């Protein structure tokens, strides 16, 4: 399975999650005040990585493993965890 196919399969889980939580792609579009529906649709299909769309879904509670986050967003998550662990020690 190629990387693109893997991302598409993972993002399909995100779309299923959206359906079960009554979130439509147009809701994401309106919440982010985006003009182009294709950005949302392409991100959900795994053809693009619009960080605003991915962050919105993450903030709504979509499991990170369903989003196939780009590496730079993954790094931010790891850095935040490290900061939390240091603050917990104090």
PDB file of N, CA and C in Angstrom:
ATOM      1  N   UNK A   1       0.854  -1.175   0.000  1.00  0.00           N
ATOM      2  CA  UNK A   1       0.000   0.000   0.000  1.00  0.00           C
ATOM      3  C   UNK A   1       0.903   1.242   0.000  1.00  0.00           C
ATOM      4  N   UNK A   2       0.642   2.150  -0.920  1.00  0.00           N
ATOM      5  CA  UNK A   2       1.448   3.369  -0.995  1.00  0.00           C
ATOM      6  C   UNK A   2       1.072   4.334   0.131  1.00  0.00           C
ATOM      7  N   UNK A   3       1.908   5.340   0.316  1.00  0.00           N
ATOM      8  CA  UNK A   3       1.667   6.310   1.384  1.00  0.00           C
ATOM      9  C   UNK A   3       0.343   7.044   1.163  1.00  0.00           C
ATOM     10  N   UNK A   4       0.064   7.407  -0.099  1.00  0.00           N
ATOM     11  CA  UNK A   4      -1.186   8.124  -0.416  1.00  0.00           C
ATOM     12  C   UNK A   4      -2.397   7.241  -0.133  1.00  0.00           C
ATOM     13  N   UNK A   5      -2.324   5.981  -0.511  1.00  0.00           N
ATOM     14  CA  UNK A   5      -3.431   5.056  -0.240  1.00  0.00           C
ATOM     15  C   UNK A   5      -3.650   4.878   1.252  1.00  0.00           C
ATOM     16  N   UNK A   6      -2.543   4.819   2.005  1.00  0.00           N
ATOM     17  CA  UNK A   6      -2.643   4.664   3.461  1.00  0.00           C
ATOM     18  C   UNK A   6      -3.325   5.879   4.085  1.00  0.00           C
ATOM     19  N   UNK A   7      -2.931   7.079   3.623  1.00  0.00           N
ATOM     20  CA  UNK A   7      -3.540   8.312   4.142  1.00  0.00           C
ATOM     21  C   UNK A   7      -5.023   8.353   3.803  1.00  0.00           C
ATOM     22  N   UNK A   8      -5.374   7.961   2.580  1.00  0.00           N
ATOM     23  CA  UNK A   8      -6.785   7.952   2.180  1.00  0.00           C
ATOM     24  C   UNK A   8      -7.596   7.005   3.060  1.00  0.00           C
ATOM     25  N   UNK A   9      -7.035   5.842   3.363  1.00  0.00           N
ATOM     26  CA  UNK A   9      -7.741   4.867   4.208  1.00  0.00           C
ATOM     27  C   UNK A   9      -7.915   5.402   5.630  1.00  0.00           C
ATOM     28  N   UNK A  10      -6.885   6.061   6.152  1.00  0.00           N
ATOM     29  CA  UNK A  10      -6.972   6.622   7.501  1.00  0.00           C
ATOM     30  C   UNK A  10      -7.978   7.756   7.546  1.00  0.00           C
ATOM     31  N   UNK A  11      -7.935   8.651   6.554  1.00  0.00           N
ATOM     32  CA  UNK A  11      -8.861   9.787   6.542  1.00  0.00           C
ATOM     33  C   UNK A  11     -10.302   9.335   6.352  1.00  0.00           C
ATOM     34  N   UNK A  12     -10.503   8.166   5.749  1.00  0.00           N
ATOM     35  CA  UNK A  12     -11.856   7.635   5.622  1.00  0.00           C
ATOM     36  C   UNK A  12     -12.438   7.404   7.012  1.00  0.00           C
ATOM     37  N   UNK A  13     -11.597   6.988   7.946  1.00  0.00           N
ATOM     38  CA  UNK A  13     -12.045   6.810   9.328  1.00  0.00           C
ATOM     39  C   UNK A  13     -12.458   8.154   9.927  1.00  0.00           C
ATOM     40  N   UNK A  14     -11.768   9.224   9.557  1.00  0.00           N
ATOM     41  CA  UNK A  14     -12.123  10.555  10.053  1.00  0.00           C
ATOM     42  C   UNK A  14     -13.499  10.959   9.529  1.00  0.00           C
ATOM     43  N   UNK A  15     -13.770  10.647   8.270  1.00  0.00           N
ATOM     44  CA  UNK A  15     -15.098  10.975   7.716  1.00  0.00           C
ATOM     45  C   UNK A  15     -16.198  10.183   8.420  1.00  0.00           C
ATOM     46  N   UNK A  16     -15.912   8.928   8.728  1.00  0.00           N
ATOM     47  CA  UNK A  16     -16.879   8.110   9.472  1.00  0.00           C
ATOM     48  C   UNK A  16     -17.092   8.700  10.860  1.00  0.00           C
ATOM     49  N   UNK A  17     -16.006   9.126  11.510  1.00  0.00           N
ATOM     50  CA  UNK A  17     -16.104   9.767  12.822  1.00  0.00           C
ATOM     51  C   UNK A  17     -16.977  11.021  12.727  1.00  0.00           C
ATOM     52  N   UNK A  18     -16.780  11.799  11.674  1.00  0.00           N
ATOM     53  CA  UNK A  18     -17.586  13.012  11.495  1.00  0.00           C
ATOM     54  C   UNK A  18     -19.067  12.670  11.386  1.00  0.00           C
ATOM     55  N   UNK A  19     -19.390  11.632  10.637  1.00  0.00           N
ATOM     56  CA  UNK A  19     -20.800  11.228  10.493  1.00  0.00           C
ATOM     57  C   UNK A  19     -21.402  10.833  11.832  1.00  0.00           C
ATOM     58  N   UNK A  20     -20.654  10.085  12.627  1.00  0.00           N
ATOM     59  CA  UNK A  20     -21.183   9.635  13.913  1.00  0.00           C
ATOM     60  C   UNK A  20     -21.324  10.779  14.914  1.00  0.00           C
ATOM     61  N   UNK A  21     -20.611  11.871  14.682  1.00  0.00           N
ATOM     62  CA  UNK A  21     -20.691  13.030  15.572  1.00  0.00           C
ATOM     63  C   UNK A  21     -21.455  14.194  14.940  1.00  0.00           C
ATOM     64  N   UNK A  22     -22.182  13.873  13.863  1.00  0.00           N
ATOM     65  CA  UNK A  22     -23.054  14.838  13.196  1.00  0.00           C
ATOM     66  C   UNK A  22     -22.307  16.112  12.769  1.00  0.00           C
ATOM     67  N   UNK A  23     -21.105  15.932  12.238  1.00  0.00           N
ATOM     68  CA  UNK A  23     -20.336  17.048  11.709  1.00  0.00           C
ATOM     69  C   UNK A  23     -20.214  16.840  10.208  1.00  0.00           C
ATOM     70  N   UNK A  24     -20.692  17.816   9.460  1.00  0.00           N
ATOM     71  CA  UNK A  24     -20.615  17.747   8.003  1.00  0.00           C
ATOM     72  C   UNK A  24     -19.453  18.594   7.515  1.00  0.00           C
ATOM     73  N   UNK A  25     -19.005  18.324   6.309  1.00  0.00           N
ATOM     74  CA  UNK A  25     -17.892  19.099   5.758  1.00  0.00           C
ATOM     75  C   UNK A  25     -18.272  20.569   5.614  1.00  0.00           C
ATOM     76  N   UNK A  26     -19.545  20.841   5.369  1.00  0.00           N
ATOM     77  CA  UNK A  26     -19.990  22.234   5.272  1.00  0.00           C
ATOM     78  C   UNK A  26     -19.920  22.920   6.640  1.00  0.00           C
ATOM     79  N   UNK A  27     -20.078  22.161   7.705  1.00  0.00           N
ATOM     80  CA  UNK A  27     -19.919  22.719   9.059  1.00  0.00           C
ATOM     81  C   UNK A  27     -18.475  23.154   9.290  1.00  0.00           C
ATOM     82  N   UNK A  28     -17.538  22.331   8.821  1.00  0.00           N
ATOM     83  CA  UNK A  28     -16.114  22.680   8.935  1.00  0.00           C
ATOM     84  C   UNK A  28     -15.837  23.927   8.106  1.00  0.00           C
ATOM     85  N   UNK A  29     -16.367  23.941   6.913  1.00  0.00           N
ATOM     86  CA  UNK A  29     -16.195  25.078   6.001  1.00  0.00           C
ATOM     87  C   UNK A  29     -16.691  26.370   6.640  1.00  0.00           C
ATOM     88  N   UNK A  30     -17.876  26.339   7.213  1.00  0.00           N
ATOM     89  CA  UNK A  30     -18.455  27.534   7.838  1.00  0.00           C
ATOM     90  C   UNK A  30     -17.716  27.936   9.109  1.00  0.00           C
ATOM     91  N   UNK A  31     -17.334  26.964   9.911  1.00  0.00           N
ATOM     92  CA  UNK A  31     -16.647  27.266  11.172  1.00  0.00           C
ATOM     93  C   UNK A  31     -15.299  27.936  10.914  1.00  0.00           C
ATOM     94  N   UNK A  32     -14.630  27.518   9.855  1.00  0.00           N
ATOM     95  CA  UNK A  32     -13.316  28.077   9.537  1.00  0.00           C
ATOM     96  C   UNK A  32     -13.394  29.272   8.584  1.00  0.00           C
ATOM     97  N   UNK A  33     -14.621  29.619   8.210  1.00  0.00           N
ATOM     98  CA  UNK A  33     -14.866  30.739   7.290  1.00  0.00           C
ATOM     99  C   UNK A  33     -14.038  30.611   6.008  1.00  0.00           C
ATOM    100  N   UNK A  34     -14.066  29.411   5.471  1.00  0.00           N
ATOM    101  CA  UNK A  34     -13.341  29.144   4.229  1.00  0.00           C
ATOM    102  C   UNK A  34     -14.285  29.364   3.063  1.00  0.00           C
ATOM    103  N   UNK A  35     -13.719  29.752   1.943  1.00  0.00           N
ATOM    104  CA  UNK A  35     -14.539  29.996   0.756  1.00  0.00           C
ATOM    105  C   UNK A  35     -14.611  28.775  -0.149  1.00  0.00           C
ATOM    106  N   UNK A  36     -13.600  27.931  -0.086  1.00  0.00           N
ATOM    107  CA  UNK A  36     -13.507  26.811  -1.009  1.00  0.00           C
ATOM    108  C   UNK A  36     -13.827  25.489  -0.317  1.00  0.00           C
ATOM    109  N   UNK A  37     -14.879  24.858  -0.774  1.00  0.00           N
ATOM    110  CA  UNK A  37     -15.251  23.554  -0.241  1.00  0.00           C
ATOM    111  C   UNK A  37     -14.226  22.502  -0.642  1.00  0.00           C
ATOM    112  N   UNK A  38     -13.531  22.734  -1.752  1.00  0.00           N
ATOM    113  CA  UNK A  38     -12.575  21.728  -2.229  1.00  0.00           C
ATOM    114  C   UNK A  38     -11.418  21.524  -1.250  1.00  0.00           C
ATOM    115  N   UNK A  39     -11.022  22.547  -0.507  1.00  0.00           N
ATOM    116  CA  UNK A  39      -9.965  22.375   0.495  1.00  0.00           C
ATOM    117  C   UNK A  39     -10.380  21.388   1.560  1.00  0.00           C
ATOM    118  N   UNK A  40     -11.602  21.518   2.032  1.00  0.00           N
ATOM    119  CA  UNK A  40     -12.118  20.610   3.058  1.00  0.00           C
ATOM    120  C   UNK A  40     -12.258  19.206   2.473  1.00  0.00           C
ATOM    121  N   UNK A  41     -12.872  19.108   1.308  1.00  0.00           N
ATOM    122  CA  UNK A  41     -13.103  17.802   0.681  1.00  0.00           C
ATOM    123  C   UNK A  41     -11.787  17.097   0.358  1.00  0.00           C
ATOM    124  N   UNK A  42     -10.824  17.827  -0.181  1.00  0.00           N
ATOM    125  CA  UNK A  42      -9.533  17.221  -0.520  1.00  0.00           C
ATOM    126  C   UNK A  42      -8.755  16.801   0.724  1.00  0.00           C
ATOM    127  N   UNK A  43      -8.886  17.557   1.792  1.00  0.00           N
ATOM    128  CA  UNK A  43      -8.217  17.182   3.041  1.00  0.00           C
ATOM    129  C   UNK A  43      -8.852  15.915   3.605  1.00  0.00           C
ATOM    130  N   UNK A  44     -10.167  15.845   3.592  1.00  0.00           N
ATOM    131  CA  UNK A  44     -10.855  14.658   4.110  1.00  0.00           C
ATOM    132  C   UNK A  44     -10.601  13.428   3.237  1.00  0.00           C
ATOM    133  N   UNK A  45     -10.368  13.648   1.947  1.00  0.00           N
ATOM    134  CA  UNK A  45     -10.106  12.531   1.039  1.00  0.00           C
ATOM    135  C   UNK A  45      -8.642  12.100   1.079  1.00  0.00           C
ATOM    136  N   UNK A  46      -7.787  12.891   1.737  1.00  0.00           N
ATOM    137  CA  UNK A  46      -6.382  12.535   1.833  1.00  0.00           C
ATOM    138  C   UNK A  46      -5.533  13.049   0.690  1.00  0.00           C
ATOM    139  N   UNK A  47      -6.100  13.915  -0.153  1.00  0.00           N
ATOM    140  CA  UNK A  47      -5.338  14.466  -1.280  1.00  0.00           C
ATOM    141  C   UNK A  47      -4.543  15.702  -0.894  1.00  0.00           C
ATOM    142  N   UNK A  48      -4.954  16.379   0.180  1.00  0.00           N
ATOM    143  CA  UNK A  48      -4.270  17.570   0.666  1.00  0.00           C
ATOM    144  C   UNK A  48      -4.180  17.501   2.186  1.00  0.00           C
ATOM    145  N   UNK A  49      -3.328  18.365   2.743  1.00  0.00           N
ATOM    146  CA  UNK A  49      -3.185  18.462   4.200  1.00  0.00           C
ATOM    147  C   UNK A  49      -3.433  19.903   4.621  1.00  0.00           C
ATOM    148  N   UNK A  50      -4.676  20.321   4.635  1.00  0.00           N
ATOM    149  CA  UNK A  50      -4.961  21.670   5.107  1.00  0.00           C
ATOM    150  C   UNK A  50      -4.924  21.642   6.626  1.00  0.00           C
ATOM    151  N   UNK A  51      -3.955  22.322   7.181  1.00  0.00           N
ATOM    152  CA  UNK A  51      -3.730  22.262   8.618  1.00  0.00           C
ATOM    153  C   UNK A  51      -4.871  22.845   9.437  1.00  0.00           C
ATOM    154  N   UNK A  52      -5.545  23.844   8.902  1.00  0.00           N
ATOM    155  CA  UNK A  52      -6.687  24.419   9.623  1.00  0.00           C
ATOM    156  C   UNK A  52      -7.804  23.394   9.759  1.00  0.00           C
ATOM    157  N   UNK A  53      -8.074  22.654   8.693  1.00  0.00           N
ATOM    158  CA  UNK A  53      -9.119  21.627   8.724  1.00  0.00           C
ATOM    159  C   UNK A  53      -8.723  20.515   9.696  1.00  0.00           C
ATOM    160  N   UNK A  54      -7.486  20.058   9.603  1.00  0.00           N
ATOM    161  CA  UNK A  54      -7.025  18.991  10.482  1.00  0.00           C
ATOM    162  C   UNK A  54      -7.057  19.423  11.949  1.00  0.00           C
ATOM    163  N   UNK A  55      -6.637  20.648  12.217  1.00  0.00           N
ATOM    164  CA  UNK A  55      -6.641  21.156  13.595  1.00  0.00           C
ATOM    165  C   UNK A  55      -8.071  21.288  14.115  1.00  0.00           C
ATOM    166  N   UNK A  56      -8.989  21.729  13.263  1.00  0.00           N
ATOM    167  CA  UNK A  56     -10.391  21.856  13.658  1.00  0.00           C
ATOM    168  C   UNK A  56     -10.950  20.500  14.080  1.00  0.00           C
ATOM    169  N   UNK A  57     -10.702  19.477  13.263  1.00  0.00           N
ATOM    170  CA  UNK A  57     -11.204  18.144  13.589  1.00  0.00           C
ATOM    171  C   UNK A  57     -10.570  17.613  14.869  1.00  0.00           C
ATOM    172  N   UNK A  58      -9.288  17.874  15.022  1.00  0.00           N
ATOM    173  CA  UNK A  58      -8.580  17.458  16.236  1.00  0.00           C
ATOM    174  C   UNK A  58      -9.178  18.146  17.458  1.00  0.00           C
ATOM    175  N   UNK A  59      -9.458  19.442  17.340  1.00  0.00           N
ATOM    176  CA  UNK A  59     -10.046  20.191  18.449  1.00  0.00           C
ATOM    177  C   UNK A  59     -11.468  19.723  18.781  1.00  0.00           C
ATOM    178  N   UNK A  60     -12.173  19.226  17.784  1.00  0.00           N
ATOM    179  CA  UNK A  60     -13.536  18.722  18.007  1.00  0.00           C
ATOM    180  C   UNK A  60     -13.545  17.345  18.656  1.00  0.00           C
ATOM    181  N   UNK A  61     -12.355  16.717  18.724  1.00  0.00           N
ATOM    182  CA  UNK A  61     -12.275  15.432  19.394  1.00  0.00           C
ATOM    183  C   UNK A  61     -12.012  14.241  18.488  1.00  0.00           C
ATOM    184  N   UNK A  62     -11.777  14.503  17.217  1.00  0.00           N
ATOM    185  CA  UNK A  62     -11.473  13.400  16.299  1.00  0.00           C
ATOM    186  C   UNK A  62     -10.145  12.775  16.711  1.00  0.00           C
ATOM    187  N   UNK A  63     -10.090  11.465  16.861  1.00  0.00           N
ATOM    188  CA  UNK A  63      -8.836  10.818  17.249  1.00  0.00           C
ATOM    189  C   UNK A  63      -7.715  11.124  16.259  1.00  0.00           C
ATOM    190  N   UNK A  64      -6.562  11.440  16.776  1.00  0.00           N
ATOM    191  CA  UNK A  64      -5.420  11.832  15.947  1.00  0.00           C
ATOM    192  C   UNK A  64      -5.050  10.731  14.954  1.00  0.00           C
ATOM    193  N   UNK A  65      -5.216   9.489  15.367  1.00  0.00           N
ATOM    194  CA  UNK A  65      -4.855   8.394  14.467  1.00  0.00           C
ATOM    195  C   UNK A  65      -5.760   8.317  13.237  1.00  0.00           C
ATOM    196  N   UNK A  66      -6.920   8.992  13.253  1.00  0.00           N
ATOM    197  CA  UNK A  66      -7.803   9.040  12.091  1.00  0.00           C
ATOM    198  C   UNK A  66      -7.418  10.145  11.119  1.00  0.00           C
ATOM    199  N   UNK A  67      -6.521  11.027  11.516  1.00  0.00           N
ATOM    200  CA  UNK A  67      -6.222  12.208  10.708  1.00  0.00           C
ATOM    201  C   UNK A  67      -4.959  12.086   9.866  1.00  0.00           C
ATOM    202  N   UNK A  68      -4.092  11.151  10.164  1.00  0.00           N
ATOM    203  CA  UNK A  68      -2.822  11.011   9.436  1.00  0.00           C
ATOM    204  C   UNK A  68      -2.162  12.383   9.311  1.00  0.00           C
ATOM    205  N   UNK A  69      -1.855  12.973  10.460  1.00  0.00           N
ATOM    206  CA  UNK A  69      -1.312  14.325  10.498  1.00  0.00           C
ATOM    207  C   UNK A  69       0.029  14.413   9.786  1.00  0.00           C
ATOM    208  N   UNK A  70       0.292  15.557   9.146  1.00  0.00           N
ATOM    209  CA  UNK A  70       1.613  15.776   8.552  1.00  0.00           C
ATOM    210  C   UNK A  70       2.681  15.769   9.644  1.00  0.00           C
ATOM    211  N   UNK A  71       3.913  15.530   9.256  1.00  0.00           N
ATOM    212  CA  UNK A  71       4.986  15.377  10.242  1.00  0.00           C
ATOM    213  C   UNK A  71       5.185  16.620  11.091  1.00  0.00           C
ATOM    214  N   UNK A  72       5.006  17.810  10.525  1.00  0.00           N
ATOM    215  CA  UNK A  72       5.205  19.016  11.337  1.00  0.00           C
ATOM    216  C   UNK A  72       4.139  19.149  12.420  1.00  0.00           C
ATOM    217  N   UNK A  73       2.913  18.710  12.153  1.00  0.00           N
ATOM    218  CA  UNK A  73       1.865  18.742  13.180  1.00  0.00           C
ATOM    219  C   UNK A  73       2.121  17.657  14.225  1.00  0.00           C
ATOM    220  N   UNK A  74       2.680  16.533  13.824  1.00  0.00           N
ATOM    221  CA  UNK A  74       3.034  15.472  14.756  1.00  0.00           C
ATOM    222  C   UNK A  74       4.114  15.949  15.710  1.00  0.00           C
ATOM    223  N   UNK A  75       5.101  16.664  15.187  1.00  0.00           N
ATOM    224  CA  UNK A  75       6.191  17.173  16.022  1.00  0.00           C
ATOM    225  C   UNK A  75       5.663  18.119  17.085  1.00  0.00           C
ATOM    226  N   UNK A  76       4.724  18.979  16.713  1.00  0.00           N
ATOM    227  CA  UNK A  76       4.138  19.918  17.675  1.00  0.00           C
ATOM    228  C   UNK A  76       3.474  19.154  18.810  1.00  0.00           C
ATOM    229  N   UNK A  77       2.797  18.065  18.470  1.00  0.00           N
ATOM    230  CA  UNK A  77       2.123  17.254  19.478  1.00  0.00           C
ATOM    231  C   UNK A  77       3.147  16.660  20.438  1.00  0.00           C
ATOM    232  N   UNK A  78       4.264  16.165  19.914  1.00  0.00           N
ATOM    233  CA  UNK A  78       5.307  15.563  20.740  1.00  0.00           C
ATOM    234  C   UNK A  78       5.931  16.614  21.650  1.00  0.00           C
ATOM    235  N   UNK A  79       6.210  17.811  21.113  1.00  0.00           N
ATOM    236  CA  UNK A  79       6.796  18.879  21.913  1.00  0.00           C
ATOM    237  C   UNK A  79       5.865  19.283  23.052  1.00  0.00           C
ATOM    238  N   UNK A  80       4.563  19.353  22.780  1.00  0.00           N
ATOM    239  CA  UNK A  80       3.608  19.719  23.818  1.00  0.00           C
ATOM    240  C   UNK A  80       3.602  18.689  24.938  1.00  0.00           C
ATOM    241  N   UNK A  81       3.686  17.414  24.578  1.00  0.00           N
ATOM    242  CA  UNK A  81       3.710  16.358  25.589  1.00  0.00           C
ATOM    243  C   UNK A  81       4.952  16.484  26.463  1.00  0.00           C
ATOM    244  N   UNK A  82       6.103  16.789  25.850  1.00  0.00           N
ATOM    245  CA  UNK A  82       7.331  16.939  26.609  1.00  0.00           C
ATOM    246  C   UNK A  82       7.218  18.108  27.575  1.00  0.00           C
ATOM    247  N   UNK A  83       6.629  19.219  27.122  1.00  0.00           N
ATOM    248  CA  UNK A  83       6.454  20.379  27.997  1.00  0.00           C
ATOM    249  C   UNK A  83       5.544  20.041  29.168  1.00  0.00           C
ATOM    250  N   UNK A  84       4.493  19.290  28.904  1.00  0.00           N
ATOM    251  CA  UNK A  84       3.583  18.891  29.980  1.00  0.00           C
ATOM    252  C   UNK A  84       4.304  18.012  30.994  1.00  0.00           C
ATOM    253  N   UNK A  85       5.093  17.096  30.526  1.00  0.00           N
ATOM    254  CA  UNK A  85       5.813  16.205  31.446  1.00  0.00           C
ATOM    255  C   UNK A  85       6.772  16.990  32.328  1.00  0.00           C
ATOM    256  N   UNK A  86       7.460  17.983  31.781  1.00  0.00           N
ATOM    257  CA  UNK A  86       8.369  18.802  32.582  1.00  0.00           C
ATOM    258  C   UNK A  86       7.613  19.605  33.628  1.00  0.00           C
ATOM    259  N   UNK A  87       6.457  20.151  33.265  1.00  0.00           N
ATOM    260  CA  UNK A  87       5.677  20.945  34.210  1.00  0.00           C
ATOM    261  C   UNK A  87       5.062  20.059  35.296  1.00  0.00           C
ATOM    262  N   UNK A  88       4.764  18.832  34.947  1.00  0.00           N
ATOM    263  CA  UNK A  88       4.209  17.907  35.939  1.00  0.00           C
ATOM    264  C   UNK A  88       5.236  17.565  37.014  1.00  0.00           C
ATOM    265  N   UNK A  89       6.510  17.595  36.653  1.00  0.00           N
ATOM    266  CA  UNK A  89       7.570  17.262  37.596  1.00  0.00           C
ATOM    267  C   UNK A  89       7.730  18.334  38.678  1.00  0.00           C
ATOM    268  N   UNK A  90       7.358  19.556  38.357  1.00  0.00           N
ATOM    269  CA  UNK A  90       7.536  20.655  39.304  1.00  0.00           C
ATOM    270  C   UNK A  90       6.537  20.581  40.370  1.00  0.00           C
TER     271      UNK A  90
END
